[in-house]
Amino acid sequence: MSLIDLLPQARSLWTVWFFLVFLGVVTWTLWPGRRRELEARGRIPLDDDQPQGGGRHGR
């Protein structure tokens, strides 16, 4: 059996592998116990942080 003969099987296995990885990432992201952490990370761009003084542009 040569590598050319294994190509169709390898293609289907990669499809299954990536689908399982995708499902794992979605499950990990949407797991109920991670809700607080993900909400806190989602608020980071909206937080109004005051710039730290002492830098070149600090006032």
PDB file of N, CA and C in Angstrom:
ATOM      1  N   MET A   1       0.853  -1.179   0.000  1.00  0.00           N
ATOM      2  CA  MET A   1       0.000   0.000   0.000  1.00  0.00           C
ATOM      3  C   MET A   1       0.897   1.240   0.000  1.00  0.00           C
ATOM      4  N   SER A   2       0.662   2.128  -0.921  1.00  0.00           N
ATOM      5  CA  SER A   2       1.487   3.327  -1.031  1.00  0.00           C
ATOM      6  C   SER A   2       0.780   4.525  -0.400  1.00  0.00           C
ATOM      7  N   LEU A   3       1.491   5.614  -0.316  1.00  0.00           N
ATOM      8  CA  LEU A   3       0.911   6.834   0.248  1.00  0.00           C
ATOM      9  C   LEU A   3      -0.227   7.366  -0.610  1.00  0.00           C
ATOM     10  N   ILE A   4      -0.154   7.149  -1.907  1.00  0.00           N
ATOM     11  CA  ILE A   4      -1.221   7.592  -2.809  1.00  0.00           C
ATOM     12  C   ILE A   4      -2.525   6.870  -2.469  1.00  0.00           C
ATOM     13  N   ASP A   5      -2.425   5.606  -2.086  1.00  0.00           N
ATOM     14  CA  ASP A   5      -3.624   4.842  -1.725  1.00  0.00           C
ATOM     15  C   ASP A   5      -4.216   5.315  -0.399  1.00  0.00           C
ATOM     16  N   LEU A   6      -3.395   5.870   0.473  1.00  0.00           N
ATOM     17  CA  LEU A   6      -3.867   6.320   1.784  1.00  0.00           C
ATOM     18  C   LEU A   6      -4.452   7.730   1.763  1.00  0.00           C
ATOM     19  N   LEU A   7      -4.238   8.467   0.692  1.00  0.00           N
ATOM     20  CA  LEU A   7      -4.667   9.859   0.626  1.00  0.00           C
ATOM     21  C   LEU A   7      -6.166  10.055   0.864  1.00  0.00           C
ATOM     22  N   PRO A   8      -7.070   9.298   0.234  1.00  0.00           N
ATOM     23  CA  PRO A   8      -8.507   9.511   0.509  1.00  0.00           C
ATOM     24  C   PRO A   8      -8.877   9.262   1.977  1.00  0.00           C
ATOM     25  N   GLN A   9      -8.266   8.261   2.597  1.00  0.00           N
ATOM     26  CA  GLN A   9      -8.553   7.983   4.005  1.00  0.00           C
ATOM     27  C   GLN A   9      -7.990   9.084   4.899  1.00  0.00           C
ATOM     28  N   ALA A  10      -6.815   9.569   4.567  1.00  0.00           N
ATOM     29  CA  ALA A  10      -6.211  10.638   5.363  1.00  0.00           C
ATOM     30  C   ALA A  10      -7.039  11.910   5.279  1.00  0.00           C
ATOM     31  N   ARG A  11      -7.592  12.201   4.119  1.00  0.00           N
ATOM     32  CA  ARG A  11      -8.428  13.397   3.978  1.00  0.00           C
ATOM     33  C   ARG A  11      -9.658  13.309   4.873  1.00  0.00           C
ATOM     34  N   SER A  12     -10.297  12.157   4.909  1.00  0.00           N
ATOM     35  CA  SER A  12     -11.490  12.026   5.750  1.00  0.00           C
ATOM     36  C   SER A  12     -11.121  12.071   7.235  1.00  0.00           C
ATOM     37  N   LEU A  13      -9.978  11.512   7.602  1.00  0.00           N
ATOM     38  CA  LEU A  13      -9.565  11.555   9.003  1.00  0.00           C
ATOM     39  C   LEU A  13      -9.242  12.976   9.438  1.00  0.00           C
ATOM     40  N   TRP A  14      -8.624  13.783   8.570  1.00  0.00           N
ATOM     41  CA  TRP A  14      -8.343  15.175   8.913  1.00  0.00           C
ATOM     42  C   TRP A  14      -9.629  15.958   9.093  1.00  0.00           C
ATOM     43  N   THR A  15     -10.613  15.662   8.266  1.00  0.00           N
ATOM     44  CA  THR A  15     -11.900  16.345   8.404  1.00  0.00           C
ATOM     45  C   THR A  15     -12.530  16.023   9.753  1.00  0.00           C
ATOM     46  N   VAL A  16     -12.515  14.757  10.117  1.00  0.00           N
ATOM     47  CA  VAL A  16     -13.075  14.339  11.406  1.00  0.00           C
ATOM     48  C   VAL A  16     -12.274  14.954  12.551  1.00  0.00           C
ATOM     49  N   TRP A  17     -10.936  14.948  12.444  1.00  0.00           N
ATOM     50  CA  TRP A  17     -10.078  15.502  13.492  1.00  0.00           C
ATOM     51  C   TRP A  17     -10.364  16.983  13.713  1.00  0.00           C
ATOM     52  N   PHE A  18     -10.417  17.767  12.643  1.00  0.00           N
ATOM     53  CA  PHE A  18     -10.664  19.201  12.794  1.00  0.00           C
ATOM     54  C   PHE A  18     -12.070  19.482  13.305  1.00  0.00           C
ATOM     55  N   PHE A  19     -13.036  18.663  12.923  1.00  0.00           N
ATOM     56  CA  PHE A  19     -14.391  18.831  13.439  1.00  0.00           C
ATOM     57  C   PHE A  19     -14.419  18.569  14.941  1.00  0.00           C
ATOM     58  N   LEU A  20     -13.720  17.542  15.394  1.00  0.00           N
ATOM     59  CA  LEU A  20     -13.669  17.248  16.829  1.00  0.00           C
ATOM     60  C   LEU A  20     -12.943  18.353  17.598  1.00  0.00           C
ATOM     61  N   VAL A  21     -11.887  18.891  17.027  1.00  0.00           N
ATOM     62  CA  VAL A  21     -11.187  20.007  17.672  1.00  0.00           C
ATOM     63  C   VAL A  21     -12.105  21.221  17.751  1.00  0.00           C
ATOM     64  N   PHE A  22     -12.842  21.500  16.686  1.00  0.00           N
ATOM     65  CA  PHE A  22     -13.788  22.613  16.679  1.00  0.00           C
ATOM     66  C   PHE A  22     -14.842  22.433  17.768  1.00  0.00           C
ATOM     67  N   LEU A  23     -15.408  21.244  17.870  1.00  0.00           N
ATOM     68  CA  LEU A  23     -16.403  20.989  18.915  1.00  0.00           C
ATOM     69  C   LEU A  23     -15.795  21.143  20.304  1.00  0.00           C
ATOM     70  N   GLY A  24     -14.554  20.716  20.485  1.00  0.00           N
ATOM     71  CA  GLY A  24     -13.888  20.870  21.771  1.00  0.00           C
ATOM     72  C   GLY A  24     -13.693  22.328  22.148  1.00  0.00           C
ATOM     73  N   VAL A  25     -13.298  23.155  21.191  1.00  0.00           N
ATOM     74  CA  VAL A  25     -13.096  24.580  21.461  1.00  0.00           C
ATOM     75  C   VAL A  25     -14.420  25.252  21.791  1.00  0.00           C
ATOM     76  N   VAL A  26     -15.469  24.928  21.050  1.00  0.00           N
ATOM     77  CA  VAL A  26     -16.786  25.518  21.316  1.00  0.00           C
ATOM     78  C   VAL A  26     -17.286  25.089  22.688  1.00  0.00           C
ATOM     79  N   THR A  27     -17.130  23.819  23.020  1.00  0.00           N
ATOM     80  CA  THR A  27     -17.560  23.327  24.334  1.00  0.00           C
ATOM     81  C   THR A  27     -16.769  24.004  25.446  1.00  0.00           C
ATOM     82  N   TRP A  28     -15.457  24.120  25.278  1.00  0.00           N
ATOM     83  CA  TRP A  28     -14.610  24.755  26.288  1.00  0.00           C
ATOM     84  C   TRP A  28     -14.997  26.218  26.477  1.00  0.00           C
ATOM     85  N   THR A  29     -15.330  26.895  25.396  1.00  0.00           N
ATOM     86  CA  THR A  29     -15.681  28.310  25.475  1.00  0.00           C
ATOM     87  C   THR A  29     -17.037  28.520  26.130  1.00  0.00           C
ATOM     88  N   LEU A  30     -17.990  27.698  25.806  1.00  0.00           N
ATOM     89  CA  LEU A  30     -19.352  27.898  26.290  1.00  0.00           C
ATOM     90  C   LEU A  30     -19.661  27.135  27.575  1.00  0.00           C
ATOM     91  N   TRP A  31     -18.657  26.529  28.195  1.00  0.00           N
ATOM     92  CA  TRP A  31     -18.876  25.774  29.439  1.00  0.00           C
ATOM     93  C   TRP A  31     -19.417  26.722  30.511  1.00  0.00           C
ATOM     94  N   PRO A  32     -20.479  26.341  31.228  1.00  0.00           N
ATOM     95  CA  PRO A  32     -21.116  27.253  32.185  1.00  0.00           C
ATOM     96  C   PRO A  32     -20.179  27.780  33.275  1.00  0.00           C
ATOM     97  N   GLY A  33     -19.210  27.037  33.705  1.00  0.00           N
ATOM     98  CA  GLY A  33     -18.309  27.471  34.764  1.00  0.00           C
ATOM     99  C   GLY A  33     -17.353  28.576  34.337  1.00  0.00           C
ATOM    100  N   ARG A  34     -17.209  28.810  33.057  1.00  0.00           N
ATOM    101  CA  ARG A  34     -16.283  29.822  32.553  1.00  0.00           C
ATOM    102  C   ARG A  34     -16.978  31.146  32.285  1.00  0.00           C
ATOM    103  N   ARG A  35     -18.229  31.256  32.632  1.00  0.00           N
ATOM    104  CA  ARG A  35     -19.009  32.440  32.273  1.00  0.00           C
ATOM    105  C   ARG A  35     -18.442  33.730  32.868  1.00  0.00           C
ATOM    106  N   ARG A  36     -18.122  33.725  34.155  1.00  0.00           N
ATOM    107  CA  ARG A  36     -17.606  34.943  34.802  1.00  0.00           C
ATOM    108  C   ARG A  36     -16.292  35.396  34.165  1.00  0.00           C
ATOM    109  N   GLU A  37     -15.423  34.445  33.935  1.00  0.00           N
ATOM    110  CA  GLU A  37     -14.119  34.772  33.348  1.00  0.00           C
ATOM    111  C   GLU A  37     -14.281  35.362  31.944  1.00  0.00           C
ATOM    112  N   LEU A  38     -15.139  34.757  31.141  1.00  0.00           N
ATOM    113  CA  LEU A  38     -15.335  35.251  29.778  1.00  0.00           C
ATOM    114  C   LEU A  38     -16.031  36.608  29.763  1.00  0.00           C
ATOM    115  N   GLU A  39     -16.964  36.834  30.681  1.00  0.00           N
ATOM    116  CA  GLU A  39     -17.611  38.144  30.749  1.00  0.00           C
ATOM    117  C   GLU A  39     -16.610  39.219  31.176  1.00  0.00           C
ATOM    118  N   ALA A  40     -15.723  38.876  32.108  1.00  0.00           N
ATOM    119  CA  ALA A  40     -14.701  39.835  32.540  1.00  0.00           C
ATOM    120  C   ALA A  40     -13.750  40.166  31.389  1.00  0.00           C
ATOM    121  N   ARG A  41     -13.374  39.168  30.626  1.00  0.00           N
ATOM    122  CA  ARG A  41     -12.499  39.414  29.475  1.00  0.00           C
ATOM    123  C   ARG A  41     -13.220  40.209  28.393  1.00  0.00           C
ATOM    124  N   GLY A  42     -14.512  40.011  28.265  1.00  0.00           N
ATOM    125  CA  GLY A  42     -15.277  40.748  27.267  1.00  0.00           C
ATOM    126  C   GLY A  42     -15.432  42.218  27.609  1.00  0.00           C
ATOM    127  N   ARG A  43     -15.333  42.558  28.906  1.00  0.00           N
ATOM    128  CA  ARG A  43     -15.462  43.954  29.328  1.00  0.00           C
ATOM    129  C   ARG A  43     -14.143  44.726  29.243  1.00  0.00           C
ATOM    130  N   ILE A  44     -13.043  44.063  29.009  1.00  0.00           N
ATOM    131  CA  ILE A  44     -11.731  44.727  28.997  1.00  0.00           C
ATOM    132  C   ILE A  44     -11.690  45.896  28.019  1.00  0.00           C
ATOM    133  N   PRO A  45     -12.154  45.754  26.782  1.00  0.00           N
ATOM    134  CA  PRO A  45     -12.075  46.906  25.868  1.00  0.00           C
ATOM    135  C   PRO A  45     -12.968  48.072  26.284  1.00  0.00           C
ATOM    136  N   LEU A  46     -13.968  47.815  27.093  1.00  0.00           N
ATOM    137  CA  LEU A  46     -14.910  48.855  27.484  1.00  0.00           C
ATOM    138  C   LEU A  46     -14.520  49.571  28.769  1.00  0.00           C
ATOM    139  N   ASP A  47     -13.546  49.036  29.489  1.00  0.00           N
ATOM    140  CA  ASP A  47     -13.109  49.671  30.736  1.00  0.00           C
ATOM    141  C   ASP A  47     -12.405  50.982  30.427  1.00  0.00           C
ATOM    142  N   ASP A  48     -12.742  52.011  31.184  1.00  0.00           N
ATOM    143  CA  ASP A  48     -12.108  53.315  31.020  1.00  0.00           C
ATOM    144  C   ASP A  48     -10.975  53.437  32.027  1.00  0.00           C
ATOM    145  N   ASP A  49      -9.815  53.002  31.627  1.00  0.00           N
ATOM    146  CA  ASP A  49      -8.648  53.101  32.492  1.00  0.00           C
ATOM    147  C   ASP A  49      -7.988  54.453  32.295  1.00  0.00           C
ATOM    148  N   GLN A  50      -7.561  55.031  33.398  1.00  0.00           N
ATOM    149  CA  GLN A  50      -6.824  56.283  33.334  1.00  0.00           C
ATOM    150  C   GLN A  50      -5.371  55.960  32.997  1.00  0.00           C
ATOM    151  N   PRO A  51      -4.744  56.733  32.120  1.00  0.00           N
ATOM    152  CA  PRO A  51      -3.342  56.460  31.791  1.00  0.00           C
ATOM    153  C   PRO A  51      -2.447  56.677  33.004  1.00  0.00           C
ATOM    154  N   GLN A  52      -1.430  55.856  33.110  1.00  0.00           N
ATOM    155  CA  GLN A  52      -0.476  55.962  34.205  1.00  0.00           C
ATOM    156  C   GLN A  52       0.472  57.123  33.930  1.00  0.00           C
ATOM    157  N   GLY A  53       0.654  58.007  34.892  1.00  0.00           N
ATOM    158  CA  GLY A  53       1.551  59.151  34.731  1.00  0.00           C
ATOM    159  C   GLY A  53       3.004  58.729  34.770  1.00  0.00           C
ATOM    160  N   GLY A  54       3.882  59.677  34.499  1.00  0.00           N
ATOM    161  CA  GLY A  54       5.306  59.405  34.562  1.00  0.00           C
ATOM    162  C   GLY A  54       5.914  59.033  33.230  1.00  0.00           C
ATOM    163  N   GLY A  55       5.105  58.789  32.252  1.00  0.00           N
ATOM    164  CA  GLY A  55       5.635  58.470  30.937  1.00  0.00           C
ATOM    165  C   GLY A  55       5.917  59.723  30.142  1.00  0.00           C
ATOM    166  N   ARG A  56       6.306  59.554  28.945  1.00  0.00           N
ATOM    167  CA  ARG A  56       6.623  60.680  28.084  1.00  0.00           C
ATOM    168  C   ARG A  56       5.399  61.533  27.798  1.00  0.00           C
ATOM    169  N   HIS A  57       4.248  60.903  27.693  1.00  0.00           N
ATOM    170  CA  HIS A  57       3.016  61.624  27.384  1.00  0.00           C
ATOM    171  C   HIS A  57       2.109  61.777  28.605  1.00  0.00           C
ATOM    172  N   GLY A  58       2.582  61.367  29.774  1.00  0.00           N
ATOM    173  CA  GLY A  58       1.764  61.481  30.979  1.00  0.00           C
ATOM    174  C   GLY A  58       1.570  62.928  31.385  1.00  0.00           C
ATOM    175  N   ARG A  59       0.387  63.252  31.883  1.00  0.00           N
ATOM    176  CA  ARG A  59       0.093  64.638  32.278  1.00  0.00           C
ATOM    177  C   ARG A  59      -0.310  64.700  33.717  1.00  0.00           C
TER     178      ARG A  59
END
